[in-house]
């Protein structure tokens, strides 16, 4: 019997600094989903003179997509206040965010330190009187890069 099982993806926590420009974010850690923790290597093609069978592909830089966080809409949220200041008043305050994948004892299995994140989009889900569901808000954050913490 195997002693290792891959971790489940539904037990995680997102940690923001507890005080972002005066906004209390101590309760802003529960999210429905997190996506955008990926990295791509951009390459540049160089054609060599006299060699027509292929082109050399040289690595140039890494590219990171936006971090997308989804959760049930919260009223009077310090995190949303931080987003509103950035999106409405262009008061951009980048922060470092930590995303933690947790085990059954609520201990981190793996953590990602997302560096220099700031909001670029805030979306509130549709209202529909014919459906019985929660209002979901989506936060989209741009960031420079992430580091995997051991």
C-alpha atoms as a PDB file:
ATOM      1  CA  UNK A   1       0.000   0.000   0.000  1.00  0.00           C
ATOM      2  CA  UNK A   2       1.351   3.439  -0.917  1.00  0.00           C
ATOM      3  CA  UNK A   3       2.273   5.721   1.965  1.00  0.00           C
ATOM      4  CA  UNK A   4       1.904   8.898  -0.111  1.00  0.00           C
ATOM      5  CA  UNK A   5      -1.305  10.337  -1.477  1.00  0.00           C
ATOM      6  CA  UNK A   6      -1.514  13.460  -3.635  1.00  0.00           C
ATOM      7  CA  UNK A   7      -2.979  16.399  -1.687  1.00  0.00           C
ATOM      8  CA  UNK A   8      -6.551  17.555  -2.149  1.00  0.00           C
ATOM      9  CA  UNK A   9      -7.083  20.942  -3.769  1.00  0.00           C
ATOM     10  CA  UNK A  10     -10.030  22.157  -1.700  1.00  0.00           C
ATOM     11  CA  UNK A  11      -8.227  22.857   1.607  1.00  0.00           C
ATOM     12  CA  UNK A  12      -6.265  26.089   1.241  1.00  0.00           C
ATOM     13  CA  UNK A  13      -5.836  29.557   2.691  1.00  0.00           C
ATOM     14  CA  UNK A  14      -4.935  32.907   1.137  1.00  0.00           C
ATOM     15  CA  UNK A  15      -3.118  35.326   3.449  1.00  0.00           C
ATOM     16  CA  UNK A  16      -2.956  39.067   2.856  1.00  0.00           C
ATOM     17  CA  UNK A  17      -1.035  41.492   5.069  1.00  0.00           C
ATOM     18  CA  UNK A  18      -3.245  42.177   8.106  1.00  0.00           C
ATOM     19  CA  UNK A  19      -3.245  45.916   7.499  1.00  0.00           C
ATOM     20  CA  UNK A  20      -3.234  47.226   3.924  1.00  0.00           C
ATOM     21  CA  UNK A  21      -3.209  51.051   4.018  1.00  0.00           C
ATOM     22  CA  UNK A  22      -5.525  51.152   7.020  1.00  0.00           C
ATOM     23  CA  UNK A  23      -7.938  48.452   5.773  1.00  0.00           C
ATOM     24  CA  UNK A  24      -8.408  45.503   8.149  1.00  0.00           C
ATOM     25  CA  UNK A  25      -7.992  42.240   6.177  1.00  0.00           C
ATOM     26  CA  UNK A  26      -7.761  39.777   9.086  1.00  0.00           C
ATOM     27  CA  UNK A  27     -10.987  38.016   8.007  1.00  0.00           C
ATOM     28  CA  UNK A  28     -10.231  38.079   4.266  1.00  0.00           C
ATOM     29  CA  UNK A  29      -8.666  34.648   3.824  1.00  0.00           C
ATOM     30  CA  UNK A  30     -11.490  32.319   2.772  1.00  0.00           C
ATOM     31  CA  UNK A  31     -11.885  31.876  -0.960  1.00  0.00           C
ATOM     32  CA  UNK A  32     -13.818  29.463  -3.131  1.00  0.00           C
ATOM     33  CA  UNK A  33     -11.052  29.109  -5.702  1.00  0.00           C
ATOM     34  CA  UNK A  34      -7.564  30.303  -6.567  1.00  0.00           C
ATOM     35  CA  UNK A  35      -6.093  30.155 -10.057  1.00  0.00           C
ATOM     36  CA  UNK A  36      -3.133  31.691 -11.830  1.00  0.00           C
ATOM     37  CA  UNK A  37      -0.235  30.045 -10.016  1.00  0.00           C
ATOM     38  CA  UNK A  38       1.630  29.129 -13.174  1.00  0.00           C
ATOM     39  CA  UNK A  39       4.680  30.279 -15.076  1.00  0.00           C
ATOM     40  CA  UNK A  40       5.605  30.137 -18.778  1.00  0.00           C
ATOM     41  CA  UNK A  41       9.005  30.567 -20.372  1.00  0.00           C
ATOM     42  CA  UNK A  42       8.971  32.943 -23.325  1.00  0.00           C
ATOM     43  CA  UNK A  43      11.386  32.065 -26.114  1.00  0.00           C
ATOM     44  CA  UNK A  44      12.800  33.832 -29.124  1.00  0.00           C
ATOM     45  CA  UNK A  45      13.445  32.060 -32.409  1.00  0.00           C
ATOM     46  CA  UNK A  46      16.774  32.652 -34.148  1.00  0.00           C
ATOM     47  CA  UNK A  47      17.385  31.430 -37.683  1.00  0.00           C
ATOM     48  CA  UNK A  48      20.941  30.276 -38.290  1.00  0.00           C
ATOM     49  CA  UNK A  49      22.417  31.173 -41.655  1.00  0.00           C
ATOM     50  CA  UNK A  50      22.798  28.099 -43.889  1.00  0.00           C
ATOM     51  CA  UNK A  51      20.744  25.807 -41.580  1.00  0.00           C
ATOM     52  CA  UNK A  52      17.182  25.574 -42.935  1.00  0.00           C
ATOM     53  CA  UNK A  53      15.954  22.477 -41.044  1.00  0.00           C
ATOM     54  CA  UNK A  54      15.152  24.298 -37.787  1.00  0.00           C
ATOM     55  CA  UNK A  55      15.408  27.520 -35.824  1.00  0.00           C
ATOM     56  CA  UNK A  56      17.108  27.868 -32.464  1.00  0.00           C
ATOM     57  CA  UNK A  57      14.725  28.686 -29.615  1.00  0.00           C
ATOM     58  CA  UNK A  58      16.423  30.781 -26.950  1.00  0.00           C
ATOM     59  CA  UNK A  59      14.821  31.391 -23.526  1.00  0.00           C
ATOM     60  CA  UNK A  60      14.078  35.082 -22.943  1.00  0.00           C
ATOM     61  CA  UNK A  61      12.006  35.606 -19.765  1.00  0.00           C
ATOM     62  CA  UNK A  62       9.302  34.089 -17.629  1.00  0.00           C
ATOM     63  CA  UNK A  63       5.676  35.201 -17.790  1.00  0.00           C
ATOM     64  CA  UNK A  64       3.060  34.952 -15.023  1.00  0.00           C
ATOM     65  CA  UNK A  65      -0.728  35.184 -15.537  1.00  0.00           C
ATOM     66  CA  UNK A  66      -3.024  37.130 -13.210  1.00  0.00           C
ATOM     67  CA  UNK A  67      -3.964  35.558  -9.883  1.00  0.00           C
ATOM     68  CA  UNK A  68      -7.744  35.020  -9.788  1.00  0.00           C
ATOM     69  CA  UNK A  69      -9.510  34.687  -6.422  1.00  0.00           C
ATOM     70  CA  UNK A  70     -13.222  33.838  -6.099  1.00  0.00           C
ATOM     71  CA  UNK A  71     -15.441  33.859  -3.019  1.00  0.00           C
ATOM     72  CA  UNK A  72     -18.900  34.662  -1.750  1.00  0.00           C
ATOM     73  CA  UNK A  73     -19.381  38.420  -1.723  1.00  0.00           C
ATOM     74  CA  UNK A  74     -18.422  40.098   1.553  1.00  0.00           C
ATOM     75  CA  UNK A  75     -19.846  43.436   2.661  1.00  0.00           C
ATOM     76  CA  UNK A  76     -17.502  45.839   4.515  1.00  0.00           C
ATOM     77  CA  UNK A  77     -14.370  43.921   3.516  1.00  0.00           C
ATOM     78  CA  UNK A  78     -10.968  45.533   3.995  1.00  0.00           C
ATOM     79  CA  UNK A  79      -9.711  43.638   0.968  1.00  0.00           C
ATOM     80  CA  UNK A  80     -12.442  45.059  -1.256  1.00  0.00           C
ATOM     81  CA  UNK A  81     -11.724  48.532   0.111  1.00  0.00           C
ATOM     82  CA  UNK A  82      -8.078  48.045  -0.996  1.00  0.00           C
ATOM     83  CA  UNK A  83      -9.327  46.981  -4.448  1.00  0.00           C
ATOM     84  CA  UNK A  84     -11.727  49.916  -4.726  1.00  0.00           C
ATOM     85  CA  UNK A  85      -8.975  52.414  -3.875  1.00  0.00           C
ATOM     86  CA  UNK A  86      -6.784  50.905  -6.587  1.00  0.00           C
ATOM     87  CA  UNK A  87      -9.455  50.635  -9.273  1.00  0.00           C
ATOM     88  CA  UNK A  88     -11.430  53.825  -8.596  1.00  0.00           C
ATOM     89  CA  UNK A  89      -8.744  56.228  -7.345  1.00  0.00           C
ATOM     90  CA  UNK A  90      -5.556  54.692  -8.820  1.00  0.00           C
ATOM     91  CA  UNK A  91      -4.123  54.370  -5.304  1.00  0.00           C
ATOM     92  CA  UNK A  92      -2.051  51.286  -6.132  1.00  0.00           C
ATOM     93  CA  UNK A  93      -0.519  49.639  -3.063  1.00  0.00           C
ATOM     94  CA  UNK A  94       1.231  46.379  -4.065  1.00  0.00           C
ATOM     95  CA  UNK A  95       1.391  43.660  -1.393  1.00  0.00           C
ATOM     96  CA  UNK A  96       2.862  40.193  -1.021  1.00  0.00           C
ATOM     97  CA  UNK A  97       0.290  37.403  -0.679  1.00  0.00           C
ATOM     98  CA  UNK A  98       0.818  33.870   0.591  1.00  0.00           C
ATOM     99  CA  UNK A  99      -1.287  31.000  -0.762  1.00  0.00           C
ATOM    100  CA  UNK A 100      -1.103  27.881   1.408  1.00  0.00           C
ATOM    101  CA  UNK A 101      -2.243  24.383   0.495  1.00  0.00           C
ATOM    102  CA  UNK A 102      -3.208  22.723   3.801  1.00  0.00           C
ATOM    103  CA  UNK A 103      -3.339  19.150   5.084  1.00  0.00           C
ATOM    104  CA  UNK A 104      -6.031  17.599   7.297  1.00  0.00           C
ATOM    105  CA  UNK A 105      -4.421  19.172  10.401  1.00  0.00           C
ATOM    106  CA  UNK A 106      -4.610  22.658   8.807  1.00  0.00           C
ATOM    107  CA  UNK A 107      -0.809  22.706   8.409  1.00  0.00           C
ATOM    108  CA  UNK A 108       0.781  23.988   5.180  1.00  0.00           C
ATOM    109  CA  UNK A 109       1.889  21.312   2.727  1.00  0.00           C
ATOM    110  CA  UNK A 110       3.141  23.867   0.216  1.00  0.00           C
ATOM    111  CA  UNK A 111       3.074  27.656   0.132  1.00  0.00           C
ATOM    112  CA  UNK A 112       3.447  30.193  -2.655  1.00  0.00           C
ATOM    113  CA  UNK A 113       4.645  33.719  -1.918  1.00  0.00           C
ATOM    114  CA  UNK A 114       3.059  35.943  -4.578  1.00  0.00           C
ATOM    115  CA  UNK A 115       5.241  39.026  -4.935  1.00  0.00           C
ATOM    116  CA  UNK A 116       4.058  42.593  -5.576  1.00  0.00           C
ATOM    117  CA  UNK A 117       0.355  41.876  -6.217  1.00  0.00           C
ATOM    118  CA  UNK A 118      -2.211  44.589  -6.896  1.00  0.00           C
ATOM    119  CA  UNK A 119      -5.821  44.510  -8.156  1.00  0.00           C
ATOM    120  CA  UNK A 120      -6.568  44.900 -11.850  1.00  0.00           C
ATOM    121  CA  UNK A 121     -10.180  43.666 -11.908  1.00  0.00           C
ATOM    122  CA  UNK A 122     -13.075  43.207  -9.487  1.00  0.00           C
ATOM    123  CA  UNK A 123     -16.218  41.440 -10.662  1.00  0.00           C
ATOM    124  CA  UNK A 124     -19.499  40.767  -8.870  1.00  0.00           C
ATOM    125  CA  UNK A 125     -21.515  37.812 -10.178  1.00  0.00           C
ATOM    126  CA  UNK A 126     -24.928  38.096 -11.795  1.00  0.00           C
ATOM    127  CA  UNK A 127     -28.132  38.649  -9.832  1.00  0.00           C
ATOM    128  CA  UNK A 128     -30.934  36.331 -10.934  1.00  0.00           C
ATOM    129  CA  UNK A 129     -34.310  35.973  -9.218  1.00  0.00           C
ATOM    130  CA  UNK A 130     -34.820  32.573 -10.872  1.00  0.00           C
ATOM    131  CA  UNK A 131     -31.798  30.989  -9.181  1.00  0.00           C
ATOM    132  CA  UNK A 132     -30.964  30.275  -5.566  1.00  0.00           C
ATOM    133  CA  UNK A 133     -27.216  30.803  -5.326  1.00  0.00           C
ATOM    134  CA  UNK A 134     -24.635  32.954  -3.615  1.00  0.00           C
ATOM    135  CA  UNK A 135     -23.322  36.160  -5.120  1.00  0.00           C
ATOM    136  CA  UNK A 136     -19.719  35.459  -6.108  1.00  0.00           C
ATOM    137  CA  UNK A 137     -17.101  38.179  -6.300  1.00  0.00           C
ATOM    138  CA  UNK A 138     -13.940  37.689  -8.326  1.00  0.00           C
ATOM    139  CA  UNK A 139     -10.690  39.511  -7.650  1.00  0.00           C
ATOM    140  CA  UNK A 140      -8.031  39.525 -10.337  1.00  0.00           C
ATOM    141  CA  UNK A 141      -4.546  40.522  -9.233  1.00  0.00           C
ATOM    142  CA  UNK A 142      -1.473  41.227 -11.313  1.00  0.00           C
ATOM    143  CA  UNK A 143       1.853  40.199  -9.780  1.00  0.00           C
ATOM    144  CA  UNK A 144       5.540  40.107 -10.674  1.00  0.00           C
ATOM    145  CA  UNK A 145       6.353  36.491  -9.798  1.00  0.00           C
ATOM    146  CA  UNK A 146       5.900  33.874  -7.103  1.00  0.00           C
ATOM    147  CA  UNK A 147       8.304  31.856  -4.982  1.00  0.00           C
ATOM    148  CA  UNK A 148       7.555  28.385  -3.655  1.00  0.00           C
ATOM    149  CA  UNK A 149       8.206  28.301   0.080  1.00  0.00           C
ATOM    150  CA  UNK A 150       9.409  25.096   1.700  1.00  0.00           C
END
